[in-house]
C-alpha atoms as a PDB file:
ATOM      1  CA  MET A   1       0.032  -0.210  -0.134  1.00  0.00           C
ATOM      2  CA  ARG A   2       3.067   2.571   0.367  1.00  0.00           C
ATOM      3  CA  ARG A   3       4.380   1.946  -2.447  1.00  0.00           C
ATOM      4  CA  ILE A   4       1.435   2.871  -4.041  1.00  0.00           C
ATOM      5  CA  LEU A   5       0.442   6.087  -2.116  1.00  0.00           C
ATOM      6  CA  PHE A   6       4.225   6.692  -3.343  1.00  0.00           C
ATOM      7  CA  PHE A   7       3.979   5.916  -7.145  1.00  0.00           C
ATOM      8  CA  LEU A   8       0.131   8.281  -6.700  1.00  0.00           C
ATOM      9  CA  ILE A   9       1.349  11.239  -4.973  1.00  0.00           C
ATOM     10  CA  PHE A  10       4.170  11.226  -7.092  1.00  0.00           C
ATOM     11  CA  GLY A  11       2.375  10.950 -10.509  1.00  0.00           C
ATOM     12  CA  LEU A  12      -0.112  13.225  -9.727  1.00  0.00           C
ATOM     13  CA  SER A  13       2.559  15.949  -8.519  1.00  0.00           C
ATOM     14  CA  GLY A  14       4.506  15.910 -11.917  1.00  0.00           C
ATOM     15  CA  LEU A  15       1.431  15.829 -13.935  1.00  0.00           C
ATOM     16  CA  SER A  16       0.278  18.319 -12.048  1.00  0.00           C
ATOM     17  CA  VAL A  17       3.454  20.340 -12.495  1.00  0.00           C
ATOM     18  CA  LEU A  18       2.848  19.218 -16.336  1.00  0.00           C
ATOM     19  CA  LEU A  19      -0.331  20.415 -16.646  1.00  0.00           C
ATOM     20  CA  SER A  20       0.478  23.903 -15.049  1.00  0.00           C
ATOM     21  CA  LEU A  21       3.159  24.762 -17.370  1.00  0.00           C
ATOM     22  CA  GLY A  22       1.253  23.724 -20.067  1.00  0.00           C
ATOM     23  CA  PHE A  23      -1.099  26.448 -19.382  1.00  0.00           C
ATOM     24  CA  TRP A  24       0.681  28.606 -18.497  1.00  0.00           C
ATOM     25  CA  GLN A  25       2.110  28.838 -22.067  1.00  0.00           C
ATOM     26  CA  VAL A  26      -1.584  28.884 -23.162  1.00  0.00           C
ATOM     27  CA  ARG A  27      -2.215  31.736 -21.432  1.00  0.00           C
ATOM     28  CA  ARG A  28       1.400  33.430 -22.562  1.00  0.00           C
ATOM     29  CA  LEU A  29      -0.238  32.507 -26.145  1.00  0.00           C
ATOM     30  CA  GLU A  30      -3.127  35.169 -25.577  1.00  0.00           C
ATOM     31  CA  TRP A  31      -0.910  37.903 -23.984  1.00  0.00           C
ATOM     32  CA  LYS A  32       1.576  37.395 -27.485  1.00  0.00           C
ATOM     33  CA  ASN A  33      -1.033  37.549 -29.721  1.00  0.00           C
ATOM     34  CA  GLN A  34      -2.101  40.615 -28.128  1.00  0.00           C
ATOM     35  CA  ILE A  35       0.628  41.966 -28.699  1.00  0.00           C
ATOM     36  CA  LEU A  36       1.277  41.284 -32.349  1.00  0.00           C
ATOM     37  CA  ALA A  37      -2.171  42.789 -32.760  1.00  0.00           C
ATOM     38  CA  GLU A  38      -1.126  45.539 -31.498  1.00  0.00           C
ATOM     39  CA  ILE A  39       2.064  46.137 -33.310  1.00  0.00           C
ATOM     40  CA  GLU A  40       0.326  45.110 -36.713  1.00  0.00           C
ATOM     41  CA  ALA A  41      -1.899  47.889 -35.872  1.00  0.00           C
ATOM     42  CA  ARG A  42       0.766  50.538 -35.038  1.00  0.00           C
ATOM     43  CA  ILE A  43       2.493  49.625 -38.290  1.00  0.00           C
ATOM     44  CA  SER A  44      -0.316  50.025 -40.660  1.00  0.00           C
ATOM     45  CA  GLN A  45      -1.580  53.660 -39.231  1.00  0.00           C
ATOM     46  CA  PRO A  46      -0.893  56.536 -41.420  1.00  0.00           C
ATOM     47  CA  PRO A  47       2.958  57.569 -42.032  1.00  0.00           C
ATOM     48  CA  VAL A  48       3.919  60.891 -39.096  1.00  0.00           C
ATOM     49  CA  SER A  49       7.064  62.730 -39.060  1.00  0.00           C
ATOM     50  CA  LEU A  50      10.318  61.706 -37.937  1.00  0.00           C
ATOM     51  CA  PRO A  51      10.127  62.000 -33.893  1.00  0.00           C
ATOM     52  CA  ALA A  52      13.288  65.016 -32.617  1.00  0.00           C
ATOM     53  CA  SER A  53      14.684  62.052 -30.267  1.00  0.00           C
ATOM     54  CA  PRO A  54      12.753  58.918 -31.406  1.00  0.00           C
ATOM     55  CA  ASP A  55      13.077  56.568 -28.617  1.00  0.00           C
ATOM     56  CA  PRO A  56      13.857  52.513 -29.023  1.00  0.00           C
ATOM     57  CA  ASN A  57      10.985  51.292 -27.023  1.00  0.00           C
ATOM     58  CA  THR A  58       7.990  53.795 -27.071  1.00  0.00           C
ATOM     59  CA  ASP A  59       8.786  54.745 -30.903  1.00  0.00           C
ATOM     60  CA  ARG A  60       9.709  50.710 -32.519  1.00  0.00           C
ATOM     61  CA  PHE A  61       7.714  50.405 -35.552  1.00  0.00           C
ATOM     62  CA  LEU A  62       6.381  53.861 -35.543  1.00  0.00           C
ATOM     63  CA  PRO A  63       5.121  54.310 -39.298  1.00  0.00           C
ATOM     64  CA  VAL A  64       7.261  57.707 -40.787  1.00  0.00           C
ATOM     65  CA  ALA A  65       7.798  59.666 -43.878  1.00  0.00           C
ATOM     66  CA  VAL A  66      10.932  61.668 -44.414  1.00  0.00           C
ATOM     67  CA  HIS A  67      11.840  63.586 -47.816  1.00  0.00           C
ATOM     68  CA  GLY A  68      15.625  64.392 -48.138  1.00  0.00           C
ATOM     69  CA  GLN A  69      18.649  63.232 -50.139  1.00  0.00           C
ATOM     70  CA  MET A  70      19.377  58.956 -50.208  1.00  0.00           C
ATOM     71  CA  GLN A  71      23.354  58.785 -49.940  1.00  0.00           C
ATOM     72  CA  PRO A  72      25.338  56.599 -52.454  1.00  0.00           C
ATOM     73  CA  GLU A  73      27.159  54.985 -49.340  1.00  0.00           C
ATOM     74  CA  GLU A  74      25.881  51.586 -48.065  1.00  0.00           C
ATOM     75  CA  ILE A  75      26.306  48.973 -45.284  1.00  0.00           C
ATOM     76  CA  HIS A  76      25.545  45.396 -46.286  1.00  0.00           C
ATOM     77  CA  VAL A  77      23.901  42.863 -44.446  1.00  0.00           C
ATOM     78  CA  LEU A  78      24.209  39.274 -45.047  1.00  0.00           C
ATOM     79  CA  VAL A  79      20.530  37.749 -45.164  1.00  0.00           C
ATOM     80  CA  SER A  80      18.506  35.013 -46.580  1.00  0.00           C
ATOM     81  CA  VAL A  81      14.819  35.417 -47.705  1.00  0.00           C
ATOM     82  CA  LYS A  82      12.873  32.400 -48.076  1.00  0.00           C
ATOM     83  CA  LYS A  83      12.030  30.692 -52.007  1.00  0.00           C
ATOM     84  CA  VAL A  84      14.749  33.700 -53.032  1.00  0.00           C
ATOM     85  CA  GLY A  85      18.230  32.398 -51.074  1.00  0.00           C
ATOM     86  CA  PRO A  86      21.066  34.739 -49.928  1.00  0.00           C
ATOM     87  CA  GLY A  87      21.795  38.144 -50.461  1.00  0.00           C
ATOM     88  CA  TYR A  88      22.083  41.446 -48.355  1.00  0.00           C
ATOM     89  CA  ARG A  89      19.992  43.959 -46.771  1.00  0.00           C
ATOM     90  CA  VAL A  90      21.036  47.494 -47.994  1.00  0.00           C
ATOM     91  CA  ILE A  91      21.537  50.219 -45.309  1.00  0.00           C
ATOM     92  CA  SER A  92      22.202  53.964 -46.637  1.00  0.00           C
ATOM     93  CA  PRO A  93      22.357  57.271 -44.773  1.00  0.00           C
ATOM     94  CA  PHE A  94      19.826  59.684 -45.735  1.00  0.00           C
ATOM     95  CA  ILE A  95      19.963  63.438 -45.386  1.00  0.00           C
ATOM     96  CA  GLY A  96      16.419  64.713 -44.721  1.00  0.00           C
ATOM     97  CA  ASP A  97      15.420  68.458 -45.653  1.00  0.00           C
ATOM     98  CA  ASP A  98      16.154  69.198 -41.705  1.00  0.00           C
ATOM     99  CA  GLY A  99      19.530  68.421 -42.299  1.00  0.00           C
ATOM    100  CA  ARG A 100      19.106  65.282 -40.108  1.00  0.00           C
ATOM    101  CA  ARG A 101      21.378  62.194 -40.693  1.00  0.00           C
ATOM    102  CA  ILE A 102      19.534  58.528 -40.276  1.00  0.00           C
ATOM    103  CA  LEU A 103      19.677  55.127 -41.450  1.00  0.00           C
ATOM    104  CA  VAL A 104      17.559  53.501 -44.340  1.00  0.00           C
ATOM    105  CA  ASP A 105      17.030  49.733 -44.494  1.00  0.00           C
ATOM    106  CA  ARG A 106      16.292  49.983 -48.052  1.00  0.00           C
ATOM    107  CA  GLY A 107      15.723  46.350 -48.715  1.00  0.00           C
ATOM    108  CA  PHE A 108      16.851  43.030 -50.161  1.00  0.00           C
ATOM    109  CA  VAL A 109      19.708  42.612 -53.087  1.00  0.00           C
ATOM    110  CA  SER A 110      20.906  39.600 -54.468  1.00  0.00           C
ATOM    111  CA  THR A 111      24.697  38.917 -53.917  1.00  0.00           C
ATOM    112  CA  ASP A 112      24.926  39.292 -57.470  1.00  0.00           C
ATOM    113  CA  GLY A 113      23.670  43.000 -56.845  1.00  0.00           C
ATOM    114  CA  LYS A 114      26.133  43.358 -53.714  1.00  0.00           C
ATOM    115  CA  GLN A 115      28.341  45.820 -55.984  1.00  0.00           C
ATOM    116  CA  ALA A 116      25.924  47.399 -58.423  1.00  0.00           C
ATOM    117  CA  GLU A 117      25.120  51.127 -58.524  1.00  0.00           C
ATOM    118  CA  ARG A 118      21.751  52.032 -57.097  1.00  0.00           C
ATOM    119  CA  VAL A 119      19.592  55.063 -57.558  1.00  0.00           C
ATOM    120  CA  SER A 120      20.070  58.002 -54.695  1.00  0.00           C
ATOM    121  CA  GLY A 121      19.223  61.656 -54.320  1.00  0.00           C
ATOM    122  CA  SER A 122      16.141  63.510 -53.763  1.00  0.00           C
ATOM    123  CA  MET A 123      13.222  60.662 -52.671  1.00  0.00           C
ATOM    124  CA  GLU A 124      10.723  60.080 -50.031  1.00  0.00           C
ATOM    125  CA  VAL A 125      11.156  57.418 -47.638  1.00  0.00           C
ATOM    126  CA  THR A 126       8.015  55.592 -45.930  1.00  0.00           C
ATOM    127  CA  GLY A 127       8.542  53.277 -43.222  1.00  0.00           C
ATOM    128  CA  ASN A 128       8.957  52.087 -40.299  1.00  0.00           C
ATOM    129  CA  LEU A 129      11.206  53.286 -37.371  1.00  0.00           C
ATOM    130  CA  HIS A 130      12.983  49.895 -35.513  1.00  0.00           C
ATOM    131  CA  TRP A 131      16.055  49.041 -33.882  1.00  0.00           C
ATOM    132  CA  PRO A 132      16.709  45.024 -34.611  1.00  0.00           C
ATOM    133  CA  GLN A 133      18.297  43.200 -31.985  1.00  0.00           C
ATOM    134  CA  GLU A 134      20.289  40.597 -34.186  1.00  0.00           C
ATOM    135  CA  ILE A 135      23.187  40.099 -32.328  1.00  0.00           C
ATOM    136  CA  ASP A 136      24.183  37.368 -29.938  1.00  0.00           C
ATOM    137  CA  SER A 137      27.119  35.551 -28.219  1.00  0.00           C
ATOM    138  CA  PHE A 138      27.269  34.006 -31.694  1.00  0.00           C
ATOM    139  CA  THR A 139      27.651  36.850 -34.188  1.00  0.00           C
ATOM    140  CA  PRO A 140      30.619  37.709 -35.955  1.00  0.00           C
ATOM    141  CA  ASP A 141      32.547  41.076 -36.264  1.00  0.00           C
ATOM    142  CA  PRO A 142      31.404  42.788 -39.354  1.00  0.00           C
ATOM    143  CA  ASP A 143      33.801  42.411 -42.167  1.00  0.00           C
ATOM    144  CA  LEU A 144      34.876  46.098 -42.495  1.00  0.00           C
ATOM    145  CA  GLU A 145      37.137  45.250 -45.462  1.00  0.00           C
ATOM    146  CA  GLY A 146      34.589  43.264 -47.591  1.00  0.00           C
ATOM    147  CA  ASN A 147      31.429  45.199 -46.194  1.00  0.00           C
ATOM    148  CA  ILE A 148      29.717  42.569 -44.715  1.00  0.00           C
ATOM    149  CA  TRP A 149      28.271  42.671 -41.761  1.00  0.00           C
ATOM    150  CA  PHE A 150      26.245  39.829 -39.951  1.00  0.00           C
ATOM    151  CA  ALA A 151      23.531  41.666 -38.115  1.00  0.00           C
ATOM    152  CA  ARG A 152      21.952  45.114 -38.289  1.00  0.00           C
ATOM    153  CA  GLU A 153      23.191  46.747 -34.639  1.00  0.00           C
ATOM    154  CA  VAL A 154      21.957  50.256 -34.565  1.00  0.00           C
ATOM    155  CA  THR A 155      24.211  51.963 -33.045  1.00  0.00           C
ATOM    156  CA  MET A 156      27.415  50.390 -34.710  1.00  0.00           C
ATOM    157  CA  MET A 157      25.688  50.940 -38.027  1.00  0.00           C
ATOM    158  CA  ALA A 158      25.432  54.766 -37.521  1.00  0.00           C
ATOM    159  CA  LYS A 159      29.073  55.172 -36.002  1.00  0.00           C
ATOM    160  CA  ALA A 160      30.226  53.602 -39.082  1.00  0.00           C
ATOM    161  CA  LEU A 161      28.000  55.736 -41.550  1.00  0.00           C
ATOM    162  CA  ASP A 162      27.825  59.098 -39.424  1.00  0.00           C
ATOM    163  CA  THR A 163      24.693  59.073 -38.517  1.00  0.00           C
ATOM    164  CA  GLU A 164      22.144  59.333 -35.780  1.00  0.00           C
ATOM    165  CA  PRO A 165      20.839  56.032 -34.207  1.00  0.00           C
ATOM    166  CA  VAL A 166      17.543  55.882 -36.201  1.00  0.00           C
ATOM    167  CA  LEU A 167      16.720  53.366 -38.700  1.00  0.00           C
ATOM    168  CA  VAL A 168      13.644  53.640 -40.617  1.00  0.00           C
ATOM    169  CA  ILE A 169      12.864  50.637 -42.600  1.00  0.00           C
ATOM    170  CA  ALA A 170      11.630  51.281 -46.090  1.00  0.00           C
ATOM    171  CA  LYS A 171       8.166  50.475 -47.072  1.00  0.00           C
ATOM    172  CA  SER A 172       8.749  50.543 -50.944  1.00  0.00           C
ATOM    173  CA  GLU A 173      11.969  51.276 -53.462  1.00  0.00           C
ATOM    174  CA  THR A 174      12.769  53.898 -55.975  1.00  0.00           C
ATOM    175  CA  ASP A 175      15.853  51.227 -57.186  1.00  0.00           C
ATOM    176  CA  PRO A 176      14.100  48.594 -59.310  1.00  0.00           C
ATOM    177  CA  THR A 177      16.858  46.483 -58.134  1.00  0.00           C
ATOM    178  CA  VAL A 178      16.150  46.741 -54.449  1.00  0.00           C
ATOM    179  CA  THR A 179      13.447  44.544 -53.004  1.00  0.00           C
ATOM    180  CA  PRO A 180      11.963  46.423 -49.847  1.00  0.00           C
ATOM    181  CA  LEU A 181      11.725  44.088 -46.822  1.00  0.00           C
ATOM    182  CA  PRO A 182       8.929  45.930 -44.825  1.00  0.00           C
ATOM    183  CA  VAL A 183       8.785  45.419 -40.907  1.00  0.00           C
ATOM    184  CA  ASP A 184       6.214  42.850 -40.351  1.00  0.00           C
ATOM    185  CA  THR A 185       5.178  40.194 -37.047  1.00  0.00           C
ATOM    186  CA  SER A 186       6.715  37.228 -39.227  1.00  0.00           C
ATOM    187  CA  VAL A 187       9.916  38.053 -37.573  1.00  0.00           C
ATOM    188  CA  ILE A 188       9.106  37.819 -34.378  1.00  0.00           C
ATOM    189  CA  PRO A 189       9.125  35.051 -32.514  1.00  0.00           C
ATOM    190  CA  ASN A 190       5.811  33.244 -30.974  1.00  0.00           C
ATOM    191  CA  ASP A 191       6.507  30.081 -29.864  1.00  0.00           C
ATOM    192  CA  HIS A 192       3.763  29.443 -27.077  1.00  0.00           C
ATOM    193  CA  TRP A 193       1.528  26.909 -28.461  1.00  0.00           C
ATOM    194  CA  GLN A 194       4.460  24.337 -29.628  1.00  0.00           C
ATOM    195  CA  TYR A 195       5.631  24.716 -25.746  1.00  0.00           C
ATOM    196  CA  ALA A 196       1.923  24.047 -24.480  1.00  0.00           C
ATOM    197  CA  VAL A 197       1.567  21.019 -26.682  1.00  0.00           C
ATOM    198  CA  THR A 198       4.964  19.948 -25.698  1.00  0.00           C
ATOM    199  CA  TRP A 199       3.780  20.064 -22.055  1.00  0.00           C
ATOM    200  CA  PHE A 200       0.369  18.829 -22.476  1.00  0.00           C
ATOM    201  CA  GLY A 201       2.674  15.814 -24.326  1.00  0.00           C
ATOM    202  CA  LEU A 202       4.894  14.997 -21.844  1.00  0.00           C
ATOM    203  CA  ALA A 203       2.060  15.124 -19.339  1.00  0.00           C
ATOM    204  CA  LEU A 204       0.179  12.589 -21.030  1.00  0.00           C
ATOM    205  CA  VAL A 205       2.955  10.346 -21.032  1.00  0.00           C
ATOM    206  CA  TRP A 206       3.606  11.007 -17.240  1.00  0.00           C
ATOM    207  CA  ALA A 207       0.139  10.109 -16.927  1.00  0.00           C
ATOM    208  CA  ALA A 208       0.214   6.889 -18.673  1.00  0.00           C
ATOM    209  CA  MET A 209       3.432   6.055 -17.156  1.00  0.00           C
ATOM    210  CA  THR A 210       2.152   6.245 -13.526  1.00  0.00           C
ATOM    211  CA  LEU A 211      -0.880   4.512 -14.230  1.00  0.00           C
ATOM    212  CA  TYR A 212       1.573   1.406 -15.210  1.00  0.00           C
ATOM    213  CA  PHE A 213       3.785   1.406 -12.592  1.00  0.00           C
ATOM    214  CA  LEU A 214       0.349   1.497 -10.136  1.00  0.00           C
ATOM    215  CA  TRP A 215      -1.135  -1.532 -12.017  1.00  0.00           C
ATOM    216  CA  ARG A 216       2.277  -3.360 -12.716  1.00  0.00           C
ATOM    217  CA  PRO A 217       2.478  -6.661 -11.032  1.00  0.00           C
ATOM    218  CA  GLY A 218       3.951  -6.176  -7.804  1.00  0.00           C
ATOM    219  CA  VAL A 219       2.752  -2.974  -6.831  1.00  0.00           C
ATOM    220  CA  ARG A 220      -1.162  -3.874  -6.851  1.00  0.00           C
ATOM    221  CA  PRO A 221      -1.979  -5.143  -3.426  1.00  0.00           C
ATOM    222  CA  LYS A 222      -2.567  -8.956  -3.945  1.00  0.00           C
ATOM    223  CA  SER A 223      -6.060 -10.367  -3.872  1.00  0.00           C
END
């Protein structure tokens, strides 16, 4: 009887923990979906003028429109696009009519288009402010000689191109050789449903194993 009681308490305790983790992930999924909906709504709002002092937290994804001069200098950030393959994001300095010098993510070019000459000069850029967080401990340092960067780090790019640490991700592009990669929520991780399924699956396996141990010969009391 003591062995049965031990397996029962141990099994129910483990099952309770696994189910709690699963339901916690479900609640996190609801929270994350709400956040993503708010971001989507903000991305699609009408563009406004560039704020005087954009904040990476409160102004992230803010739609803006700037008019000025696109500069010919470029930073090339190595990326891979689904169904297209590897290439580069083209980041260029942009001098607004007010004299402010900011960064613009113009979009994607193939590896063959890395050295191509692109349209610069007077234009209007509509897009979203963003401060991507793409660097981790495994990200290599940029190859400055070959102009190959492995992540968009706004502060580093701004220093390299002598701009404000402000990045606009363009929604459209005047150069036909550049494919815009506008901001959307597809790049924001939302794995809570997969985690929930994993925890609930483990709970099911735990319950089955508990029943097995309770009913296997040598554990059940003899009649």
